[in-house]
Amino acid sequence: MADVSLRNVKKEFGALSVIKGVDLDVKDGEFCVFVGPSGCGKSTLLRMIAGLEEISSGALSIGGQDMTKIGPSERGVAMVFQSYALYPHMTVAENIGFGLRMTGHSKDLIAERTATAAKMLQLEPLLQRKPGQLSGGQRQRVAIGRAIVRNPEVFLFDEPLSNLDAALRVQMRGELSKLHQDLKATMIYVTHDQVEAMTMADKIVVLSAGKIEQVGSPLELYHRPNNLFVAGFIGSPKMNVLKVNATSQDGKILVELPSGTMLSLDGQTDTALAGASLGVRPEHISATGTGDVVIEGTVRLAEYLGSETLFFVELADGSEISVKADGLAAAKPGDSLKLGINAKACHLFDSNGRAIINGDLTR
């Protein structure tokens, strides 16, 4: 396997700049996930690594070798697409081994690698079936098997689970994570689903408008977002953000909440606090009114999910926040709800959206 390095990589389609100077290192054996909203450039960046899109400027290396101008077939990568792209007239075994046949490998080697991949992916009973006789999850495993038999340096996945139903996506997430552990391979995976990113990745790359917003482990991005974009994208439901008045005083930052309640945060800053925003995750707000400060609001919507309940609460100034509560919480729309906020769980962002303070519940 191999590491992947990008240096000031850019992509332009005529006058349109899609990738705007990406610097990134993916270590050998790492599971790296690209996330971001539609149109942020994550699939384009993956296709540039694969060689399916030309790099307009910058450099790409794989395993220490410059691959910027090298063709896709010589880069030592294998790609699994969103569409399964299986040949309907071929059996599972023939689909898995097709790429090796096209490159002139012997029948014995093709049979050996196909058998190994089929065992790994639990496809052995299905080898003589055709794609039309398979479920969506089985078809996706065949597409992954076709990549495995090539013994690539790097595996590339472009939203491979997006065509599956919810239950199959959960199952396939586990199977892909186990596959990564078994192969110890370098994998780069594109998704718009931050739950997939959080559960599978060693490293997450958050992209927005062709630029990297932040790179880090799932928990680093969750607990220490660099800016409001990352804070809002990582976490489900997303982080609550309230416009607040804030002042720095005697090693503390005093924050005035919409209700007029004052919240004291540990920390000091030289950054101007005009136009600051307070961020707090729904799961860090107490629906029982316990915390450093308590504010009150009216429940506008309640989603009872069994193990947990989501409340959408309107505050005195008309702003709305979401609260993740215990599944036994019984408040109903129209009820008044006292909400407790723990200062250690709060994040503070300046007027440009950059993080000033990140909440740290370990203190």
Foldseek 3Di string as FASTA:
>chain_A
DWKKWWFQWWDDDVVRTQAGTDTDIFGFLFEEEEAEDPSLCQVVVLCQLQQVGQTPDTWMDIRNHTCNPPHNVPRQEAECEQDLPFDQVQFLLCRLLVVVVVVPDDPVLSVVLSVVLCVLLVNVVRRGPGPVVDDLLSSSSSSVSSRVSSVGQEYEYEANCPVDDPVSSVVVLVSVQVVSVVVSHHYYYYDNDLVSVLVRGQKYFYGGSNYTQDIHHLVCLDQPPFFPVSQQRRDVNGKDKAFWQWDFDDQWIWTQGPVRDIDIAGGGDPDDAPRKIKIFHQAQKEQQQDEPDKFKFFFADWDQDQQWIKTWTAGPVRDIDIHIGGNPDDDHGGDMTIIYHYNLRMWMAHNVGGTPDGRDPVD
